[in-house]
Structures are given as structure tokens and as C-alpha cells.
Amino acid sequence: MSNKSIEYFRSLFGNFPTGITVVGITFENEPRGITANSITSVSLEPMLLLVCIAKQASSHQILKDVGLFSVNFLSENQRAASQFFASSSDEQKNLMSDFKYTIGQNGSPILLDTIGWTECKVVDWFSGGDHSIVLGEVTNFSLESESLKPLVYYQGKYSTLS
């Protein structure tokens, strides 16, 4: 596929607004996160969701090894968290220490002040080009606030719903 085709494809999907989440994982007692906007519900019974994680992301193999994770649905006030956890810096290892969080029942970090969160266990793992498609069964969840607006990504930049 040509670079022009890739850019056109990216532009097409850039015109489709997406919500932003942080996938939380605990590894060796260190809570960490990774920003993900490719996420969707799959099934209500059982409750399943899927999230796509870049294969080159520092937490990719950790998620595969641990098999438990949280999904934190970011509010419009959490742009800093999205940007931080989108970084692939090996130095920071996407640690949660700069953010307010708690540890969920499955041991995964749950960010505070989000719209809501889920805790999941991995039930399947698929290859999807330069990403992995992770199918997770929801084991616990909470809608924290219906009054907060979501953080949205649209046309290559952060946005909010009006």
C-alpha cells in the first residue's frame, strides 16, 4: 500500500470521532497504563469488550503475560493522562505514579475522576496487522459519572462534545 493510501485511510478514520481510554495493567506490583481509542463492546451476555493495542507498545507483552486489565473511560479533563499513557518512552514505562488511581478487584489500576471503568480478564487474543485485538470478559464495572463529558479524538486532535 502506498504512503498516499495510508495517509488517506488515516484521514478517513480521523474524521470519525472516537472516545479515549486508558488500559490499566499491574506488572511486578507496578500499575501502568496505555492509551487506547480502538475499543468497543462486543457482547452483553457474557459481557465482552475488545481493545486494540499496538504491538510496539511497551505494555503490549505485559498485557499478554498478565491477562488482567482495566479500561478507564477518560473525561474531557483527563487529556494529560491520555497524552502521558500514549507515550512509548521506555524511561517512564507508562507508570501511574503521577495520577490518582486505586487498585481494582482484579489488581488492575483504576484512574479516578473518569466517566467509568471496567475490569476484565483476557479471553482471546488475535493478530490485527500492527495491533493485537484483545477480547476481554468484563468482571466488574462502574459508571462513575453521567455528568462528565468524554475526551474525544477527532481530526488528529483532542476534542469534546458540545
C-alpha atoms as a PDB file:
ATOM      1  CA  MET A   1       0.000   0.000   0.000  1.00  0.00           C
ATOM      2  CA  SER A   2       1.397   3.415  -0.903  1.00  0.00           C
ATOM      3  CA  ASN A   3       2.097   6.179   1.630  1.00  0.00           C
ATOM      4  CA  LYS A   4      -0.634   8.237  -0.062  1.00  0.00           C
ATOM      5  CA  SER A   5      -3.161   5.430   0.513  1.00  0.00           C
ATOM      6  CA  ILE A   6      -2.118   5.105   4.163  1.00  0.00           C
ATOM      7  CA  GLU A   7      -2.495   8.851   4.726  1.00  0.00           C
ATOM      8  CA  TYR A   8      -5.892   8.865   3.005  1.00  0.00           C
ATOM      9  CA  PHE A   9      -7.032   5.914   5.144  1.00  0.00           C
ATOM     10  CA  ARG A  10      -5.782   7.695   8.271  1.00  0.00           C
ATOM     11  CA  SER A  11      -7.627  10.848   7.203  1.00  0.00           C
ATOM     12  CA  LEU A  12     -10.847   8.906   6.645  1.00  0.00           C
ATOM     13  CA  PHE A  13     -10.776   7.447  10.150  1.00  0.00           C
ATOM     14  CA  GLY A  14      -9.564  10.760  11.588  1.00  0.00           C
ATOM     15  CA  ASN A  15     -12.934  12.178  10.602  1.00  0.00           C
ATOM     16  CA  PHE A  16     -14.668   9.594  12.769  1.00  0.00           C
ATOM     17  CA  PRO A  17     -14.613  10.774  16.406  1.00  0.00           C
ATOM     18  CA  THR A  18     -13.525   8.235  18.994  1.00  0.00           C
ATOM     19  CA  GLY A  19     -13.570   8.185  22.755  1.00  0.00           C
ATOM     20  CA  ILE A  20     -10.301   7.745  24.613  1.00  0.00           C
ATOM     21  CA  THR A  21      -9.489   5.203  27.291  1.00  0.00           C
ATOM     22  CA  VAL A  22      -6.500   4.148  29.336  1.00  0.00           C
ATOM     23  CA  VAL A  23      -5.988   0.409  29.663  1.00  0.00           C
ATOM     24  CA  GLY A  24      -4.548  -0.316  33.105  1.00  0.00           C
ATOM     25  CA  ILE A  25      -2.257  -3.236  33.912  1.00  0.00           C
ATOM     26  CA  THR A  26      -0.294  -4.158  37.022  1.00  0.00           C
ATOM     27  CA  PHE A  27       3.016  -5.912  36.484  1.00  0.00           C
ATOM     28  CA  GLU A  28       5.509  -6.700  39.251  1.00  0.00           C
ATOM     29  CA  ASN A  29       3.444  -4.513  41.621  1.00  0.00           C
ATOM     30  CA  GLU A  30       3.786  -1.527  39.264  1.00  0.00           C
ATOM     31  CA  PRO A  31       0.492  -0.104  37.960  1.00  0.00           C
ATOM     32  CA  ARG A  32       0.861   1.180  34.405  1.00  0.00           C
ATOM     33  CA  GLY A  33      -1.355   2.276  31.561  1.00  0.00           C
ATOM     34  CA  ILE A  34      -1.617   2.593  27.823  1.00  0.00           C
ATOM     35  CA  THR A  35      -3.902   4.931  25.869  1.00  0.00           C
ATOM     36  CA  ALA A  36      -6.367   3.176  23.565  1.00  0.00           C
ATOM     37  CA  ASN A  37      -9.148   4.578  21.412  1.00  0.00           C
ATOM     38  CA  SER A  38      -9.930   1.402  19.470  1.00  0.00           C
ATOM     39  CA  ILE A  39     -12.366  -0.146  21.907  1.00  0.00           C
ATOM     40  CA  THR A  40     -15.907  -1.405  21.608  1.00  0.00           C
ATOM     41  CA  SER A  41     -18.458  -3.534  23.397  1.00  0.00           C
ATOM     42  CA  VAL A  42     -18.856  -6.955  21.792  1.00  0.00           C
ATOM     43  CA  SER A  43     -21.479  -8.851  23.796  1.00  0.00           C
ATOM     44  CA  LEU A  44     -23.867  -8.323  26.706  1.00  0.00           C
ATOM     45  CA  GLU A  45     -24.056 -11.992  27.705  1.00  0.00           C
ATOM     46  CA  PRO A  46     -21.389 -12.656  28.571  1.00  0.00           C
ATOM     47  CA  MET A  47     -20.183  -9.060  28.862  1.00  0.00           C
ATOM     48  CA  LEU A  48     -17.290  -8.793  26.421  1.00  0.00           C
ATOM     49  CA  LEU A  49     -15.301  -5.900  25.004  1.00  0.00           C
ATOM     50  CA  LEU A  50     -12.405  -5.626  22.627  1.00  0.00           C
ATOM     51  CA  VAL A  51      -9.486  -3.277  22.689  1.00  0.00           C
ATOM     52  CA  CYS A  52      -6.712  -2.906  20.132  1.00  0.00           C
ATOM     53  CA  ILE A  53      -3.155  -2.467  21.410  1.00  0.00           C
ATOM     54  CA  ALA A  54      -0.181  -1.529  19.213  1.00  0.00           C
ATOM     55  CA  LYS A  55       2.312  -4.379  19.085  1.00  0.00           C
ATOM     56  CA  GLN A  56       5.223  -1.989  19.588  1.00  0.00           C
ATOM     57  CA  ALA A  57       3.676  -0.505  22.767  1.00  0.00           C
ATOM     58  CA  SER A  58       5.768  -1.046  25.879  1.00  0.00           C
ATOM     59  CA  SER A  59       2.819  -2.652  27.716  1.00  0.00           C
ATOM     60  CA  HIS A  60       1.777  -4.988  24.873  1.00  0.00           C
ATOM     61  CA  GLN A  61       3.677  -8.075  26.069  1.00  0.00           C
ATOM     62  CA  ILE A  62       2.910  -7.269  29.708  1.00  0.00           C
ATOM     63  CA  LEU A  63      -0.834  -7.357  28.993  1.00  0.00           C
ATOM     64  CA  LYS A  64      -0.387 -10.656  27.188  1.00  0.00           C
ATOM     65  CA  ASP A  65       1.517 -12.121  30.140  1.00  0.00           C
ATOM     66  CA  VAL A  66      -0.704 -10.759  32.931  1.00  0.00           C
ATOM     67  CA  GLY A  67      -4.093 -11.438  31.301  1.00  0.00           C
ATOM     68  CA  LEU A  68      -5.987  -8.961  33.521  1.00  0.00           C
ATOM     69  CA  PHE A  69      -6.666  -5.312  32.792  1.00  0.00           C
ATOM     70  CA  SER A  70      -8.905  -2.332  33.409  1.00  0.00           C
ATOM     71  CA  VAL A  71     -10.359   0.099  30.903  1.00  0.00           C
ATOM     72  CA  ASN A  72     -10.707   3.675  32.139  1.00  0.00           C
ATOM     73  CA  PHE A  73     -13.070   5.870  30.095  1.00  0.00           C
ATOM     74  CA  LEU A  74     -11.486   9.335  30.174  1.00  0.00           C
ATOM     75  CA  SER A  75     -13.341  12.563  30.798  1.00  0.00           C
ATOM     76  CA  GLU A  76     -12.593  15.809  28.973  1.00  0.00           C
ATOM     77  CA  ASN A  77     -10.436  16.890  31.931  1.00  0.00           C
ATOM     78  CA  GLN A  78      -8.018  13.983  31.504  1.00  0.00           C
ATOM     79  CA  ARG A  79      -6.103  14.987  28.376  1.00  0.00           C
ATOM     80  CA  ALA A  80      -2.809  14.871  30.323  1.00  0.00           C
ATOM     81  CA  ALA A  81      -3.398  11.218  31.210  1.00  0.00           C
ATOM     82  CA  SER A  82      -4.180  10.355  27.596  1.00  0.00           C
ATOM     83  CA  GLN A  83      -1.020  12.056  26.360  1.00  0.00           C
ATOM     84  CA  PHE A  84       1.168  10.531  29.076  1.00  0.00           C
ATOM     85  CA  PHE A  85      -0.006   6.971  28.521  1.00  0.00           C
ATOM     86  CA  ALA A  86       0.204   7.342  24.733  1.00  0.00           C
ATOM     87  CA  SER A  87       3.961   7.890  25.057  1.00  0.00           C
ATOM     88  CA  SER A  88       6.157   4.888  24.329  1.00  0.00           C
ATOM     89  CA  SER A  89       9.056   6.146  26.442  1.00  0.00           C
ATOM     90  CA  ASP A  90      10.978   3.243  27.954  1.00  0.00           C
ATOM     91  CA  GLU A  91      12.106   5.501  30.792  1.00  0.00           C
ATOM     92  CA  GLN A  92       8.639   6.140  32.182  1.00  0.00           C
ATOM     93  CA  LYS A  93       7.328   2.635  31.385  1.00  0.00           C
ATOM     94  CA  ASN A  94       3.866   4.208  31.469  1.00  0.00           C
ATOM     95  CA  LEU A  95       3.723   4.099  35.270  1.00  0.00           C
ATOM     96  CA  MET A  96       0.654   5.512  37.046  1.00  0.00           C
ATOM     97  CA  SER A  97       2.571   7.311  39.820  1.00  0.00           C
ATOM     98  CA  ASP A  98       1.704  10.811  38.512  1.00  0.00           C
ATOM     99  CA  PHE A  99      -2.050  10.159  38.517  1.00  0.00           C
ATOM    100  CA  LYS A 100      -4.738   9.487  41.117  1.00  0.00           C
ATOM    101  CA  TYR A 101      -5.844   5.872  40.991  1.00  0.00           C
ATOM    102  CA  THR A 102      -6.988   2.938  43.050  1.00  0.00           C
ATOM    103  CA  ILE A 103      -6.439  -0.786  42.568  1.00  0.00           C
ATOM    104  CA  GLY A 104      -9.453  -2.806  41.441  1.00  0.00           C
ATOM    105  CA  GLN A 105     -10.572  -6.272  42.483  1.00  0.00           C
ATOM    106  CA  ASN A 106      -8.504  -7.917  39.749  1.00  0.00           C
ATOM    107  CA  GLY A 107      -5.386  -5.960  40.733  1.00  0.00           C
ATOM    108  CA  SER A 108      -5.534  -3.531  37.808  1.00  0.00           C
ATOM    109  CA  PRO A 109      -5.291   0.249  38.275  1.00  0.00           C
ATOM    110  CA  ILE A 110      -8.463   2.311  38.040  1.00  0.00           C
ATOM    111  CA  LEU A 111      -7.999   6.018  37.394  1.00  0.00           C
ATOM    112  CA  LEU A 112     -10.069   8.409  39.483  1.00  0.00           C
ATOM    113  CA  ASP A 113     -12.331  11.098  38.026  1.00  0.00           C
ATOM    114  CA  THR A 114     -13.185   9.089  34.902  1.00  0.00           C
ATOM    115  CA  ILE A 115     -16.591   8.626  33.329  1.00  0.00           C
ATOM    116  CA  GLY A 116     -16.370   4.982  34.317  1.00  0.00           C
ATOM    117  CA  TRP A 117     -14.238   1.859  34.190  1.00  0.00           C
ATOM    118  CA  THR A 118     -14.274  -1.876  33.644  1.00  0.00           C
ATOM    119  CA  GLU A 119     -12.114  -4.690  34.942  1.00  0.00           C
ATOM    120  CA  CYS A 120     -11.515  -7.534  32.508  1.00  0.00           C
ATOM    121  CA  LYS A 121      -9.779 -10.835  32.017  1.00  0.00           C
ATOM    122  CA  VAL A 122      -8.368 -11.699  28.612  1.00  0.00           C
ATOM    123  CA  VAL A 123     -10.373 -14.470  26.930  1.00  0.00           C
ATOM    124  CA  ASP A 124      -8.771 -14.316  23.475  1.00  0.00           C
ATOM    125  CA  TRP A 125      -6.021 -12.602  21.560  1.00  0.00           C
ATOM    126  CA  PHE A 126      -5.923 -12.010  17.789  1.00  0.00           C
ATOM    127  CA  SER A 127      -3.344 -10.536  15.456  1.00  0.00           C
ATOM    128  CA  GLY A 128      -4.553  -7.476  13.563  1.00  0.00           C
ATOM    129  CA  GLY A 129      -1.671  -6.109  11.493  1.00  0.00           C
ATOM    130  CA  ASP A 130       0.465  -3.817  13.636  1.00  0.00           C
ATOM    131  CA  HIS A 131      -2.002  -4.180  16.541  1.00  0.00           C
ATOM    132  CA  SER A 132      -3.337  -7.010  18.667  1.00  0.00           C
ATOM    133  CA  ILE A 133      -7.067  -7.352  19.181  1.00  0.00           C
ATOM    134  CA  VAL A 134      -7.691  -8.276  22.805  1.00  0.00           C
ATOM    135  CA  LEU A 135     -11.057  -9.780  23.736  1.00  0.00           C
ATOM    136  CA  GLY A 136     -11.811  -9.235  27.406  1.00  0.00           C
ATOM    137  CA  GLU A 137     -14.582 -10.524  29.625  1.00  0.00           C
ATOM    138  CA  VAL A 138     -15.855  -7.790  31.935  1.00  0.00           C
ATOM    139  CA  THR A 139     -15.683  -8.990  35.541  1.00  0.00           C
ATOM    140  CA  ASN A 140     -16.509  -5.693  37.254  1.00  0.00           C
ATOM    141  CA  PHE A 141     -17.501  -2.199  36.116  1.00  0.00           C
ATOM    142  CA  SER A 142     -18.813   1.161  37.255  1.00  0.00           C
ATOM    143  CA  LEU A 143     -20.374   4.196  35.624  1.00  0.00           C
ATOM    144  CA  GLU A 144     -18.794   6.875  37.803  1.00  0.00           C
ATOM    145  CA  SER A 145     -20.398   9.997  36.339  1.00  0.00           C
ATOM    146  CA  GLU A 146     -23.043  10.663  33.727  1.00  0.00           C
ATOM    147  CA  SER A 147     -22.416  14.401  34.088  1.00  0.00           C
ATOM    148  CA  LEU A 148     -18.791  14.348  32.862  1.00  0.00           C
ATOM    149  CA  LYS A 149     -18.195  14.700  29.136  1.00  0.00           C
ATOM    150  CA  PRO A 150     -15.871  12.251  27.377  1.00  0.00           C
ATOM    151  CA  LEU A 151     -12.469  13.087  25.993  1.00  0.00           C
ATOM    152  CA  VAL A 152     -12.719  12.647  22.229  1.00  0.00           C
ATOM    153  CA  TYR A 153     -10.164  12.394  19.449  1.00  0.00           C
ATOM    154  CA  TYR A 154     -11.246  13.940  16.140  1.00  0.00           C
ATOM    155  CA  GLN A 155      -9.300  15.097  13.064  1.00  0.00           C
ATOM    156  CA  GLY A 156      -5.969  14.433  14.728  1.00  0.00           C
ATOM    157  CA  LYS A 157      -6.609  16.420  17.883  1.00  0.00           C
ATOM    158  CA  TYR A 158      -8.398  16.284  21.201  1.00  0.00           C
ATOM    159  CA  SER A 159     -11.966  17.482  21.275  1.00  0.00           C
ATOM    160  CA  THR A 160     -15.039  17.380  23.480  1.00  0.00           C
ATOM    161  CA  LEU A 161     -18.726  17.009  22.882  1.00  0.00           C
ATOM    162  CA  SER A 162     -20.617  20.293  22.836  1.00  0.00           C
END
